Amino acid sequence: MPKYIFVTGGVVSSLGKGIASASIAKILEAKGLKVAIQKLDPYLNVDPGMMDPYQHGEIYVTDDGAETDLDLGHYERYTHSTYGRENSLTSGQVYHKVIMKERRGDYLGGTVQVVPHITDTIKDGIRDVSKGKRHDVVITEIGGTVGDIESLPFLEAIRQFRHEVGRENSLFIHLTLVPFIKAAGELKTKPTQHSVGTLREIGIQPDILLCRTEKKIGQSIKAKIALFCNVDIESVIEARDVSSIYEVPLAFKEQGIDKVICQKLRIEYKAGSLHTWKKDVVDIALRPRFSVKVAVVGKYTELQDAYKSIYESLRHGGIASDSQVIIKRINSEKLKTARSLHVLKGVAGILVPGGFGVKEIEGKLLAIQFAREKKIPFLGICLGMQCAVVEFARNVLNMKGANSTEFNKKTPFPVISLLEEQEKTKIPGDAMRRGAYPCEIKKDTKAWKAYKTEQISERHRHRYEFNNTYREKFQKAGVKFSGVSPNGKLVEMIEIEDHPWFLACQFHPEFKSKPDRAHPLFREFIASALEYQKANFPKSALEPVATRPDSEEKIIIHE
């Protein structure tokens, strides 16, 4: 049986439970332990697949096609593991399972209740993570904030779980807030005390407290928290703001969180080195030699979490090039005329991500045309590839009115459309390609230079495809189809021959990038952008911004 760690959050949301959970997993992996991480979300949606990014942020897709919370992206980026459907459980899934059992008569006519039926189903979901697999430790993050009504069944379930597996096999870690009150010049522990008090009323006594703070927590503050929250002073861990999120594992280990975990779970303590992580990731992120500015032109740029994996993957590409990546976020809906393109001046790369909605398309087309004509390195992802196809058809092949049938069913040139078998499906989601699919790489292409292999596997989340009716016309005009499905029917990657670096892919490479192993496309995109920056803005390439290694420049254009 594995050891179980449960991570909860208090006071306010967005304290970073996902990064904390991933960082703890990173530390334990360094000891040679096999670790799995799971997210339990209290919302009633079955999954975030149908949720607005402004409501939920990025929808992270796993190899098996599950649409999950963005925290699974943190889990995969920090660890060596690949996660799937069993690593994400929502209230919607739990209640659906219970109701289906009730309808089948599995409960033999008994009254169905939150306790024990809902809580038992949650506990089954926790056990399913390690079913048939060897895991030394399972980390379960509980979404939401302690005190929320919707989180209560999950908290009751993990309270019962500890009773069943024993204290030596389970551990409660609570992430809380120790705010600094500027007017008083003091750190305040009362929010942490109240949050822990709420947990204790439920029947959960935290074993370790992670105290999120912007100021250093001294020993006297730690002693006060330990006394009033009934934990050992060694179990009060400072989670101070850092310049790069990849510093967090180092900060936790420096304070001995791994020793406390091993002691309480009765795991043999092994030091476990994070030296390589520090040298190859953190040191470069904090002290890069170069600086490169790239633009992300998308619909959801106002929200940081909507393109979380893309922003992180760009930084991974920067680490691979010993560079700080300054991200200029541009709302594509505001790019309406050629005059508005002045915001793209000074950037060394342009990335157009996926998204939904016809309003954003014309702005993306303008940005893509700008990148193509000005020979600026370009990377298109999912809808970004489809837009690149439409832009090329309109402005190079002279197909006026070319479009995707998603946005104009009556377009005279449907260069992007549904496949015949997809059009027969009645439910849109059933026609969507989700999860990992194989792709064959053509030699003598930029894709081949990046991957250096003939076949790859990448994650998809889309419905519309390149219309093969137009493949020959595109090829004659200088477009290379550098990646296709094994049967040759589906176009997965395109390139433009007479461009320094113009590549677009139908899949989502951002879901497979890690800070110590940047995805090949992001690595090559940033490397090409850095070359462009050195050639065109040589001074700026040698001036990394001193404030934050993950600097961003948010741009919202007003006509």
Protein backbone atom coordinates (compact mmCIF):
# COMPACT_ATOMS: atom_id res chain seq x y z
CA MET A 1 0.00 0.00 0.00
CA PRO A 2 1.38 3.45 -0.85
CA LYS A 3 1.70 6.30 1.59
CA TYR A 4 -0.86 9.08 1.13
CA ILE A 5 -0.36 12.86 1.34
CA PHE A 6 -3.38 15.17 1.23
CA VAL A 7 -2.90 18.86 0.38
CA THR A 8 -5.58 21.39 1.33
CA GLY A 9 -5.75 25.17 1.09
CA GLY A 10 -7.13 27.86 3.35
CA VAL A 11 -7.87 31.59 3.73
CA VAL A 12 -8.01 32.45 0.01
CA SER A 13 -7.82 30.65 -3.33
CA SER A 14 -4.89 30.79 -5.78
CA LEU A 15 -2.21 30.27 -3.12
CA GLY A 16 -0.50 27.66 -5.28
CA LYS A 17 -1.58 24.22 -4.03
CA GLY A 18 -0.80 22.74 -7.44
CA ILE A 19 2.77 24.05 -7.50
CA ALA A 20 3.23 23.03 -3.85
CA SER A 21 2.01 19.50 -4.58
CA ALA A 22 4.20 19.22 -7.68
CA SER A 23 7.22 20.54 -5.77
CA ILE A 24 6.78 17.98 -2.99
CA ALA A 25 6.51 15.25 -5.64
CA LYS A 26 9.72 16.54 -7.24
CA ILE A 27 11.57 16.33 -3.92
CA LEU A 28 10.31 12.81 -3.21
CA GLU A 29 11.13 11.63 -6.75
CA ALA A 30 14.71 12.78 -6.21
CA LYS A 31 14.89 10.21 -3.40
CA GLY A 32 14.03 7.43 -5.83
CA LEU A 33 10.40 7.17 -4.73
CA LYS A 34 7.65 6.47 -7.26
CA VAL A 35 5.12 9.29 -6.84
CA ALA A 36 1.64 9.88 -8.29
CA ILE A 37 -0.39 13.08 -7.95
CA GLN A 38 -4.16 13.51 -8.15
CA LYS A 39 -6.49 16.53 -8.22
CA LEU A 40 -9.95 16.43 -6.61
CA ASP A 41 -12.11 19.34 -7.79
CA PRO A 42 -15.35 20.23 -5.96
CA TYR A 43 -17.22 21.77 -8.91
CA LEU A 44 -20.25 19.93 -10.32
CA ASN A 45 -19.06 19.97 -13.94
CA VAL A 46 -18.04 16.49 -15.05
CA ASP A 47 -14.77 18.03 -16.27
CA PRO A 48 -13.59 21.48 -17.39
CA GLY A 49 -13.96 20.58 -21.09
CA MET A 50 -17.09 22.69 -21.54
CA MET A 51 -16.00 25.50 -19.21
CA ASP A 52 -15.11 29.00 -20.38
CA PRO A 53 -11.37 29.68 -19.96
CA TYR A 54 -12.32 32.93 -18.21
CA GLN A 55 -14.11 30.77 -15.61
CA HIS A 56 -11.58 28.01 -15.20
CA GLY A 57 -8.37 28.82 -17.03
CA GLU A 58 -6.58 26.38 -19.29
CA ILE A 59 -8.03 22.96 -20.07
CA TYR A 60 -5.16 20.51 -19.77
CA VAL A 61 -5.35 17.38 -21.95
CA THR A 62 -3.71 14.08 -21.01
CA ASP A 63 -2.47 11.26 -23.25
CA ASP A 64 -5.68 9.28 -22.72
CA GLY A 65 -7.82 12.24 -23.79
CA ALA A 66 -9.02 13.42 -20.39
CA GLU A 67 -9.82 17.14 -20.14
CA THR A 68 -8.55 18.18 -16.74
CA ASP A 69 -7.56 21.02 -14.45
CA LEU A 70 -4.41 22.99 -15.30
CA ASP A 71 -2.74 21.72 -12.11
CA LEU A 72 -2.12 18.40 -13.87
CA GLY A 73 0.18 20.42 -16.12
CA HIS A 74 2.23 21.42 -13.08
CA TYR A 75 2.31 17.77 -11.95
CA GLU A 76 3.69 16.58 -15.28
CA ARG A 77 6.13 19.46 -15.72
CA TYR A 78 7.79 18.94 -12.32
CA THR A 79 7.91 15.13 -12.35
CA HIS A 80 8.84 12.27 -14.66
CA SER A 81 5.32 10.85 -14.61
CA THR A 82 2.57 10.94 -17.22
CA TYR A 83 -0.94 11.27 -15.84
CA GLY A 84 -4.40 10.42 -17.10
CA ARG A 85 -8.09 10.17 -16.39
CA GLU A 86 -7.67 8.55 -12.97
CA ASN A 87 -5.61 11.53 -11.77
CA SER A 88 -8.54 13.94 -11.98
CA LEU A 89 -11.82 13.58 -10.09
CA THR A 90 -14.65 16.12 -9.84
CA SER A 91 -17.86 16.33 -7.81
CA GLY A 92 -19.70 15.98 -11.11
CA GLN A 93 -18.04 12.62 -11.77
CA VAL A 94 -18.63 11.44 -8.19
CA TYR A 95 -22.33 12.31 -8.13
CA HIS A 96 -22.81 10.86 -11.62
CA LYS A 97 -21.33 7.52 -10.51
CA VAL A 98 -23.51 7.41 -7.41
CA ILE A 99 -26.71 8.29 -9.28
CA MET A 100 -26.01 5.70 -11.99
CA LYS A 101 -25.56 3.06 -9.27
CA GLU A 102 -28.81 4.11 -7.66
CA ARG A 103 -30.66 3.85 -10.98
CA ARG A 104 -29.26 0.34 -11.52
CA GLY A 105 -30.46 -0.71 -8.09
CA ASP A 106 -26.97 -1.28 -6.71
CA TYR A 107 -28.01 0.18 -3.36
CA LEU A 108 -30.92 -2.29 -3.03
CA GLY A 109 -33.51 0.40 -2.43
CA GLY A 110 -31.60 2.08 0.39
CA THR A 111 -31.48 5.82 0.93
CA VAL A 112 -28.57 7.37 -0.97
CA GLN A 113 -26.65 9.90 1.15
CA VAL A 114 -23.53 12.02 1.07
CA VAL A 115 -22.16 9.83 3.86
CA PRO A 116 -21.41 7.05 3.12
CA HIS A 117 -22.14 6.87 -0.62
CA ILE A 118 -20.50 10.07 -1.89
CA THR A 119 -17.56 9.83 0.50
CA ASP A 120 -17.02 6.13 -0.32
CA THR A 121 -16.92 6.97 -4.04
CA ILE A 122 -14.33 9.68 -3.39
CA LYS A 123 -12.20 7.23 -1.41
CA ASP A 124 -12.47 4.72 -4.26
CA GLY A 125 -11.21 7.43 -6.61
CA ILE A 126 -8.19 8.01 -4.37
CA ARG A 127 -7.37 4.31 -4.35
CA ASP A 128 -7.85 4.00 -8.13
CA VAL A 129 -4.72 6.11 -8.74
CA SER A 130 -2.46 3.30 -7.57
CA LYS A 131 -4.65 0.34 -8.56
CA GLY A 132 -2.54 -2.12 -10.55
CA LYS A 133 0.52 0.15 -10.30
CA ARG A 134 3.45 0.48 -7.94
CA HIS A 135 3.50 3.82 -6.20
CA ASP A 136 5.37 4.62 -3.02
CA VAL A 137 3.50 7.88 -2.42
CA VAL A 138 0.19 9.25 -3.71
CA ILE A 139 -0.30 13.02 -3.34
CA THR A 140 -3.92 14.18 -3.50
CA GLU A 141 -4.66 17.88 -3.88
CA ILE A 142 -8.11 19.01 -2.73
CA GLY A 143 -9.40 21.89 -4.86
CA GLY A 144 -11.13 24.92 -3.38
CA THR A 145 -10.66 26.53 0.02
CA VAL A 146 -11.39 25.09 3.46
CA GLY A 147 -14.76 26.46 4.55
CA ASP A 148 -16.37 26.13 1.12
CA ILE A 149 -19.59 24.11 1.26
CA GLU A 150 -18.79 22.16 -1.91
CA SER A 151 -15.45 20.95 -0.48
CA LEU A 152 -16.96 19.34 2.63
CA PRO A 153 -17.59 15.84 1.14
CA PHE A 154 -13.96 15.66 0.00
CA LEU A 155 -12.63 16.74 3.38
CA GLU A 156 -14.86 14.22 5.14
CA ALA A 157 -13.64 11.54 2.73
CA ILE A 158 -9.96 12.17 3.48
CA ARG A 159 -10.72 12.32 7.22
CA GLN A 160 -12.24 8.85 6.94
CA PHE A 161 -9.37 7.72 4.71
CA ARG A 162 -6.79 8.46 7.40
CA HIS A 163 -8.87 6.53 9.91
CA GLU A 164 -8.80 3.53 7.56
CA VAL A 165 -5.10 3.54 6.57
CA GLY A 166 -3.60 4.88 9.80
CA ARG A 167 -1.50 7.90 10.73
CA GLU A 168 1.75 6.23 9.71
CA ASN A 169 0.38 5.90 6.14
CA SER A 170 -1.26 9.28 5.69
CA LEU A 171 -0.28 12.93 6.04
CA PHE A 172 -2.22 16.21 5.95
CA ILE A 173 -0.48 19.29 4.53
CA HIS A 174 -2.31 22.60 4.72
CA LEU A 175 -1.34 25.59 2.58
CA THR A 176 -2.36 28.83 4.21
CA LEU A 177 -1.66 32.55 4.11
CA VAL A 178 0.42 34.71 6.45
CA PRO A 179 -0.28 38.21 5.10
CA PHE A 180 1.97 41.23 5.60
CA ILE A 181 -0.01 44.27 6.71
CA LYS A 182 1.92 47.18 5.29
CA ALA A 183 0.35 49.86 7.52
CA ALA A 184 1.31 47.93 10.66
CA GLY A 185 4.56 46.59 9.26
CA GLU A 186 3.71 43.13 10.59
CA LEU A 187 3.02 39.59 9.47
CA LYS A 188 -0.31 38.33 10.78
CA THR A 189 -0.91 34.73 11.85
CA LYS A 190 -4.61 35.01 12.66
CA PRO A 191 -5.85 33.95 9.17
CA THR A 192 -3.74 30.79 9.47
CA GLN A 193 -5.10 30.09 12.96
CA HIS A 194 -8.69 30.49 11.77
CA SER A 195 -8.10 28.30 8.71
CA VAL A 196 -6.56 25.52 10.78
CA GLY A 197 -9.39 25.92 13.30
CA THR A 198 -11.94 25.33 10.54
CA LEU A 199 -10.10 22.18 9.49
CA ARG A 200 -9.99 20.90 13.05
CA GLU A 201 -13.75 21.43 13.39
CA ILE A 202 -14.13 19.04 10.44
CA GLY A 203 -11.91 16.53 12.22
CA ILE A 204 -8.61 17.12 10.38
CA GLN A 205 -5.47 18.16 12.22
CA PRO A 206 -2.76 19.29 9.76
CA ASP A 207 0.65 17.65 10.14
CA ILE A 208 2.52 20.25 8.10
CA LEU A 209 1.70 23.91 7.42
CA LEU A 210 2.93 25.66 4.27
CA CYS A 211 2.76 29.38 4.99
CA ARG A 212 2.46 31.49 1.86
CA THR A 213 3.97 34.90 2.47
CA GLU A 214 5.72 37.77 0.75
CA LYS A 215 8.08 38.38 3.70
CA LYS A 216 10.46 36.10 5.57
CA ILE A 217 8.81 34.33 8.52
CA GLY A 218 11.11 34.42 11.53
CA GLN A 219 11.43 31.76 14.21
CA SER A 220 9.20 33.69 16.59
CA ILE A 221 6.35 33.74 14.05
CA LYS A 222 6.88 30.04 13.31
CA ALA A 223 6.80 29.27 17.04
CA LYS A 224 3.55 31.19 17.41
CA ILE A 225 1.93 29.36 14.48
CA ALA A 226 3.15 26.01 15.81
CA LEU A 227 1.75 26.71 19.28
CA PHE A 228 -1.70 27.89 18.23
CA CYS A 229 -2.11 25.39 15.37
CA ASN A 230 -0.84 22.38 17.33
CA VAL A 231 2.03 21.40 15.00
CA ASP A 232 5.77 20.96 15.49
CA ILE A 233 7.82 24.07 14.73
CA GLU A 234 9.82 21.99 12.18
CA SER A 235 6.51 21.38 10.40
CA VAL A 236 5.89 25.09 9.79
CA ILE A 237 7.37 25.66 6.31
CA GLU A 238 7.76 29.09 4.78
CA ALA A 239 6.36 29.33 1.24
CA ARG A 240 7.67 32.76 0.34
CA ASP A 241 7.13 34.40 -3.05
CA VAL A 242 9.94 33.52 -5.46
CA SER A 243 11.12 34.91 -8.78
CA SER A 244 10.55 31.63 -10.62
CA ILE A 245 8.05 28.92 -9.68
CA TYR A 246 10.79 26.36 -10.33
CA GLU A 247 12.60 27.58 -7.21
CA VAL A 248 9.84 26.21 -4.96
CA PRO A 249 11.21 22.63 -4.66
CA LEU A 250 14.60 24.04 -3.65
CA ALA A 251 13.03 26.34 -1.05
CA PHE A 252 10.97 23.51 0.48
CA LYS A 253 13.91 21.11 0.59
CA GLU A 254 16.18 23.72 2.14
CA GLN A 255 13.74 23.94 5.07
CA GLY A 256 13.68 20.18 5.52
CA ILE A 257 10.14 19.37 4.45
CA ASP A 258 11.34 16.04 3.06
CA LYS A 259 12.77 15.03 6.46
CA VAL A 260 9.46 15.85 8.17
CA ILE A 261 7.47 13.88 5.57
CA CYS A 262 9.74 10.84 5.80
CA GLN A 263 9.66 10.92 9.59
CA LYS A 264 5.88 11.15 9.85
CA LEU A 265 5.22 8.54 7.13
CA ARG A 266 8.00 6.26 8.40
CA ILE A 267 9.83 6.31 5.08
CA GLU A 268 13.57 5.65 5.12
CA TYR A 269 15.23 9.03 4.66
CA LYS A 270 17.55 9.44 1.68
CA ALA A 271 19.00 12.85 0.90
CA GLY A 272 17.99 13.00 -2.77
CA SER A 273 19.77 15.71 -4.75
CA LEU A 274 18.11 18.54 -6.67
CA HIS A 275 21.49 19.75 -7.96
CA THR A 276 20.67 19.05 -11.62
CA TRP A 277 17.30 20.83 -11.31
CA LYS A 278 19.08 23.84 -9.76
CA LYS A 279 21.87 23.91 -12.36
CA ASP A 280 19.88 23.17 -15.51
CA VAL A 281 16.63 24.97 -14.67
CA VAL A 282 16.68 27.45 -11.78
CA ASP A 283 20.13 28.98 -12.27
CA ILE A 284 19.44 29.64 -15.95
CA ALA A 285 15.94 30.97 -15.24
CA LEU A 286 17.30 33.42 -12.67
CA ARG A 287 20.48 34.46 -14.48
CA PRO A 288 20.04 34.05 -18.26
CA ARG A 289 22.65 35.36 -20.69
CA PHE A 290 20.20 36.64 -23.28
CA SER A 291 16.75 38.15 -23.58
CA VAL A 292 14.16 37.60 -26.30
CA LYS A 293 10.71 39.12 -26.72
CA VAL A 294 7.88 37.11 -28.29
CA ALA A 295 4.21 37.95 -28.79
CA VAL A 296 1.34 35.62 -27.96
CA VAL A 297 -1.68 36.71 -30.00
CA GLY A 298 -4.81 35.07 -28.60
CA LYS A 299 -8.34 35.53 -27.38
CA TYR A 300 -7.80 34.94 -23.66
CA THR A 301 -4.64 36.95 -23.04
CA GLU A 302 -6.22 39.00 -20.23
CA LEU A 303 -6.30 35.87 -18.08
CA GLN A 304 -2.93 34.51 -16.98
CA ASP A 305 -4.12 30.91 -16.56
CA ALA A 306 -5.88 30.59 -19.94
CA TYR A 307 -2.61 29.81 -21.77
CA LYS A 308 -0.66 28.58 -18.74
CA SER A 309 1.11 25.69 -20.47
CA ILE A 310 2.03 27.85 -23.47
CA TYR A 311 3.62 30.53 -21.29
CA GLU A 312 5.54 27.91 -19.33
CA SER A 313 6.66 26.13 -22.52
CA LEU A 314 8.00 29.40 -23.92
CA ARG A 315 10.05 29.79 -20.74
CA HIS A 316 11.28 26.21 -21.15
CA GLY A 317 12.46 27.13 -24.64
CA GLY A 318 14.19 30.13 -23.10
CA ILE A 319 15.97 27.95 -20.54
CA ALA A 320 17.19 25.71 -23.40
CA SER A 321 18.66 28.83 -25.10
CA ASP A 322 19.97 30.38 -21.87
CA SER A 323 17.48 33.18 -22.43
CA GLN A 324 14.86 35.15 -20.60
CA VAL A 325 11.62 35.10 -22.60
CA ILE A 326 9.62 38.31 -22.32
CA ILE A 327 6.05 37.52 -23.30
CA LYS A 328 3.97 40.25 -24.90
CA ARG A 329 0.32 39.25 -24.59
CA ILE A 330 -1.91 40.71 -27.30
CA ASN A 331 -5.68 40.34 -27.50
CA SER A 332 -6.42 39.18 -31.05
CA GLU A 333 -9.95 40.60 -30.95
CA LYS A 334 -8.42 44.08 -30.78
CA LEU A 335 -6.26 43.60 -33.90
CA LYS A 336 -8.67 44.94 -36.49
CA THR A 337 -6.61 46.97 -38.92
CA ALA A 338 -3.07 47.10 -40.28
CA ARG A 339 -2.51 50.21 -38.13
CA SER A 340 -3.02 48.19 -34.96
CA LEU A 341 -0.08 45.93 -35.92
CA HIS A 342 2.38 48.50 -34.56
CA VAL A 343 2.24 46.56 -31.27
CA LEU A 344 4.10 43.71 -33.01
CA LYS A 345 7.10 45.87 -33.81
CA GLY A 346 10.12 44.90 -31.76
CA VAL A 347 9.07 41.28 -31.17
CA ALA A 348 11.35 38.49 -32.35
CA GLY A 349 8.70 35.78 -32.54
CA ILE A 350 4.93 35.46 -32.87
CA LEU A 351 2.87 32.60 -31.46
CA VAL A 352 -0.83 32.11 -32.21
CA PRO A 353 -2.47 29.57 -29.85
CA GLY A 354 -5.78 27.74 -29.98
CA GLY A 355 -9.15 29.09 -28.99
CA PHE A 356 -12.82 29.27 -29.88
CA GLY A 357 -14.99 31.95 -31.46
CA VAL A 358 -15.11 33.73 -34.82
CA LYS A 359 -14.44 37.23 -33.39
CA GLU A 360 -10.78 36.50 -32.73
CA ILE A 361 -9.97 35.08 -36.17
CA GLU A 362 -9.32 38.22 -38.22
CA GLY A 363 -6.85 39.56 -35.67
CA LYS A 364 -4.94 36.29 -35.72
CA LEU A 365 -4.86 36.35 -39.52
CA LEU A 366 -3.35 39.84 -39.47
CA ALA A 367 -0.67 38.75 -37.00
CA ILE A 368 0.16 35.66 -39.08
CA GLN A 369 0.40 37.70 -42.28
CA PHE A 370 2.73 40.10 -40.48
CA ALA A 371 4.97 37.21 -39.33
CA ARG A 372 5.01 35.63 -42.81
CA GLU A 373 5.75 38.81 -44.75
CA LYS A 374 8.28 40.25 -42.26
CA LYS A 375 10.06 36.88 -41.95
CA ILE A 376 9.54 36.82 -38.17
CA PRO A 377 9.71 33.35 -36.54
CA PHE A 378 6.19 32.00 -36.16
CA LEU A 379 4.59 29.10 -34.27
CA GLY A 380 0.89 28.28 -34.73
CA ILE A 381 -0.88 25.84 -32.42
CA CYS A 382 -4.21 24.10 -33.12
CA LEU A 383 -6.48 26.95 -34.29
CA GLY A 384 -3.24 28.82 -34.90
CA MET A 385 -2.38 26.30 -37.63
CA GLN A 386 -5.86 26.53 -39.12
CA CYS A 387 -5.57 30.32 -39.21
CA ALA A 388 -2.17 30.01 -40.90
CA VAL A 389 -3.80 27.88 -43.60
CA VAL A 390 -6.62 30.40 -44.10
CA GLU A 391 -4.19 33.35 -44.24
CA PHE A 392 -2.00 31.62 -46.83
CA ALA A 393 -5.02 30.68 -48.93
CA ARG A 394 -6.36 34.25 -48.95
CA ASN A 395 -3.16 36.22 -49.40
CA VAL A 396 -0.86 33.89 -51.36
CA LEU A 397 -3.20 31.59 -53.29
CA ASN A 398 -5.65 34.45 -53.90
CA MET A 399 -8.61 32.44 -52.60
CA LYS A 400 -10.76 35.37 -51.55
CA GLY A 401 -13.15 34.43 -48.78
CA ALA A 402 -11.24 31.27 -47.84
CA ASN A 403 -12.16 30.16 -44.36
CA SER A 404 -12.89 27.31 -41.99
CA THR A 405 -16.39 25.89 -42.15
CA GLU A 406 -16.43 26.30 -38.38
CA PHE A 407 -16.75 30.04 -38.95
CA ASN A 408 -18.39 30.21 -42.38
CA LYS A 409 -20.23 27.17 -43.68
CA LYS A 410 -20.78 28.88 -47.04
CA THR A 411 -17.16 29.86 -47.68
CA PRO A 412 -16.19 29.40 -51.36
CA PHE A 413 -12.86 27.87 -50.29
CA PRO A 414 -13.31 25.62 -47.21
CA VAL A 415 -9.60 25.02 -46.64
CA ILE A 416 -10.40 23.87 -43.08
CA SER A 417 -13.40 21.61 -42.57
CA LEU A 418 -14.82 18.57 -40.82
CA LEU A 419 -14.03 15.15 -42.22
CA GLU A 420 -16.95 13.30 -43.80
CA GLU A 421 -17.23 10.88 -40.89
CA GLN A 422 -17.11 13.76 -38.40
CA GLU A 423 -20.04 15.54 -40.05
CA LYS A 424 -22.27 12.54 -39.33
CA THR A 425 -21.90 12.85 -35.56
CA LYS A 426 -24.78 14.57 -33.77
CA ILE A 427 -22.85 15.60 -30.64
CA PRO A 428 -19.97 18.02 -31.44
CA GLY A 429 -17.75 16.58 -28.72
CA ASP A 430 -17.95 13.12 -30.30
CA ALA A 431 -16.20 14.45 -33.41
CA MET A 432 -13.30 15.88 -31.42
CA ARG A 433 -9.85 14.34 -31.46
CA ARG A 434 -8.66 14.27 -27.85
CA GLY A 435 -5.48 12.87 -26.40
CA ALA A 436 -2.35 11.39 -27.96
CA TYR A 437 -2.16 10.52 -31.66
CA PRO A 438 0.85 9.42 -33.74
CA CYS A 439 2.38 11.67 -36.37
CA GLU A 440 4.98 10.90 -39.06
CA ILE A 441 7.68 13.49 -39.69
CA LYS A 442 8.97 14.25 -43.19
CA LYS A 443 12.72 14.53 -43.59
CA ASP A 444 14.42 17.76 -44.69
CA THR A 445 11.98 19.88 -42.71
CA LYS A 446 12.20 22.12 -39.68
CA ALA A 447 10.03 19.59 -37.84
CA TRP A 448 12.60 16.88 -38.56
CA LYS A 449 15.40 19.12 -37.34
CA ALA A 450 13.48 19.68 -34.11
CA TYR A 451 12.37 16.11 -33.36
CA LYS A 452 15.15 14.12 -35.08
CA THR A 453 12.85 11.11 -35.39
CA GLU A 454 10.40 9.73 -37.94
CA GLN A 455 7.38 9.23 -35.68
CA ILE A 456 6.13 11.20 -32.70
CA SER A 457 3.09 11.21 -30.43
CA GLU A 458 1.35 14.49 -29.57
CA ARG A 459 -1.83 15.50 -27.77
CA HIS A 460 -4.83 16.91 -29.64
CA ARG A 461 -8.03 18.74 -28.76
CA HIS A 462 -9.90 19.86 -31.86
CA ARG A 463 -12.53 18.92 -34.46
CA TYR A 464 -11.68 20.65 -37.74
CA GLU A 465 -8.92 19.47 -40.09
CA PHE A 466 -7.03 20.63 -43.17
CA ASN A 467 -9.12 19.99 -46.29
CA ASN A 468 -7.05 17.65 -48.48
CA THR A 469 -8.79 18.94 -51.61
CA TYR A 470 -6.37 21.87 -51.48
CA ARG A 471 -3.20 20.03 -50.53
CA GLU A 472 -1.64 20.09 -54.01
CA LYS A 473 -2.24 23.83 -54.47
CA PHE A 474 -0.57 24.60 -51.15
CA GLN A 475 2.42 22.41 -51.97
CA LYS A 476 2.97 24.08 -55.34
CA ALA A 477 2.93 27.48 -53.61
CA GLY A 478 5.70 26.54 -51.17
CA VAL A 479 3.94 24.92 -48.19
CA LYS A 480 5.50 21.77 -46.79
CA PHE A 481 3.31 19.26 -44.98
CA SER A 482 6.04 18.22 -42.60
CA GLY A 483 3.85 16.12 -40.30
CA VAL A 484 0.96 13.84 -41.26
CA SER A 485 -0.99 11.00 -39.67
CA PRO A 486 0.39 7.48 -40.32
CA ASN A 487 -2.25 6.87 -43.01
CA GLY A 488 -1.38 10.18 -44.65
CA LYS A 489 -4.92 11.55 -44.48
CA LEU A 490 -4.56 14.14 -41.72
CA VAL A 491 -2.24 17.14 -41.90
CA GLU A 492 -0.59 17.65 -38.51
CA MET A 493 2.16 20.18 -39.33
CA ILE A 494 2.82 22.75 -42.04
CA GLU A 495 5.85 24.88 -42.87
CA ILE A 496 6.62 27.63 -45.38
CA GLU A 497 9.76 26.92 -47.40
CA ASP A 498 11.00 30.46 -48.05
CA HIS A 499 10.72 31.57 -44.43
CA PRO A 500 13.45 31.36 -41.74
CA TRP A 501 11.14 29.58 -39.27
CA PHE A 502 7.40 29.34 -39.93
CA LEU A 503 5.79 26.22 -38.49
CA ALA A 504 2.25 25.43 -37.38
CA CYS A 505 0.88 22.26 -35.82
CA GLN A 506 -2.62 20.91 -35.29
CA PHE A 507 -1.71 19.40 -31.90
CA HIS A 508 -0.78 20.99 -28.56
CA PRO A 509 2.99 20.65 -27.96
CA GLU A 510 2.73 22.75 -24.79
CA PHE A 511 1.24 19.76 -22.95
CA LYS A 512 4.49 17.77 -23.24
CA SER A 513 7.12 20.37 -22.36
CA LYS A 514 9.18 20.36 -19.16
CA PRO A 515 11.59 22.97 -17.76
CA ASP A 516 14.53 20.56 -17.92
CA ARG A 517 13.43 19.10 -21.27
CA ALA A 518 11.85 21.79 -23.44
CA HIS A 519 9.50 20.56 -26.14
CA PRO A 520 11.40 20.41 -29.48
CA LEU A 521 9.10 22.91 -31.21
CA PHE A 522 9.29 25.46 -28.40
CA ARG A 523 13.04 24.94 -28.13
CA GLU A 524 13.55 25.60 -31.85
CA PHE A 525 11.02 28.46 -31.96
CA ILE A 526 12.79 30.36 -29.17
CA ALA A 527 16.22 29.56 -30.64
CA SER A 528 15.08 30.99 -33.99
CA ALA A 529 13.52 34.03 -32.28
CA LEU A 530 16.79 34.65 -30.42
CA GLU A 531 18.71 34.56 -33.71
CA TYR A 532 16.25 37.08 -35.15
CA GLN A 533 16.58 39.30 -32.09
CA LYS A 534 20.39 39.23 -32.20
CA ALA A 535 20.34 40.13 -35.89
CA ASN A 536 17.72 42.87 -35.68
CA PHE A 537 17.86 44.14 -32.07
CA PRO A 538 21.36 43.10 -30.91
CA LYS A 539 21.45 45.34 -27.84
CA SER A 540 18.15 44.15 -26.39
CA ALA A 541 19.17 40.49 -26.81
CA LEU A 542 21.96 41.05 -24.28
CA GLU A 543 19.85 42.87 -21.69
CA PRO A 544 17.77 40.44 -19.60
CA VAL A 545 15.16 42.21 -17.50
CA ALA A 546 16.39 42.21 -13.91
CA THR A 547 13.01 42.25 -12.18
CA ARG A 548 11.48 38.86 -13.00
CA PRO A 549 12.83 35.97 -15.07
CA ASP A 550 9.28 35.23 -16.20
CA SER A 551 8.55 38.82 -17.20
CA GLU A 552 5.39 39.52 -19.13
CA GLU A 553 4.18 42.53 -21.00
CA LYS A 554 0.40 42.57 -21.23
CA ILE A 555 -0.99 44.54 -24.16
CA ILE A 556 -4.66 45.33 -24.76
CA ILE A 557 -5.18 47.38 -27.89
CA HIS A 558 -7.86 50.03 -28.10
CA GLU A 559 -8.93 51.28 -31.51
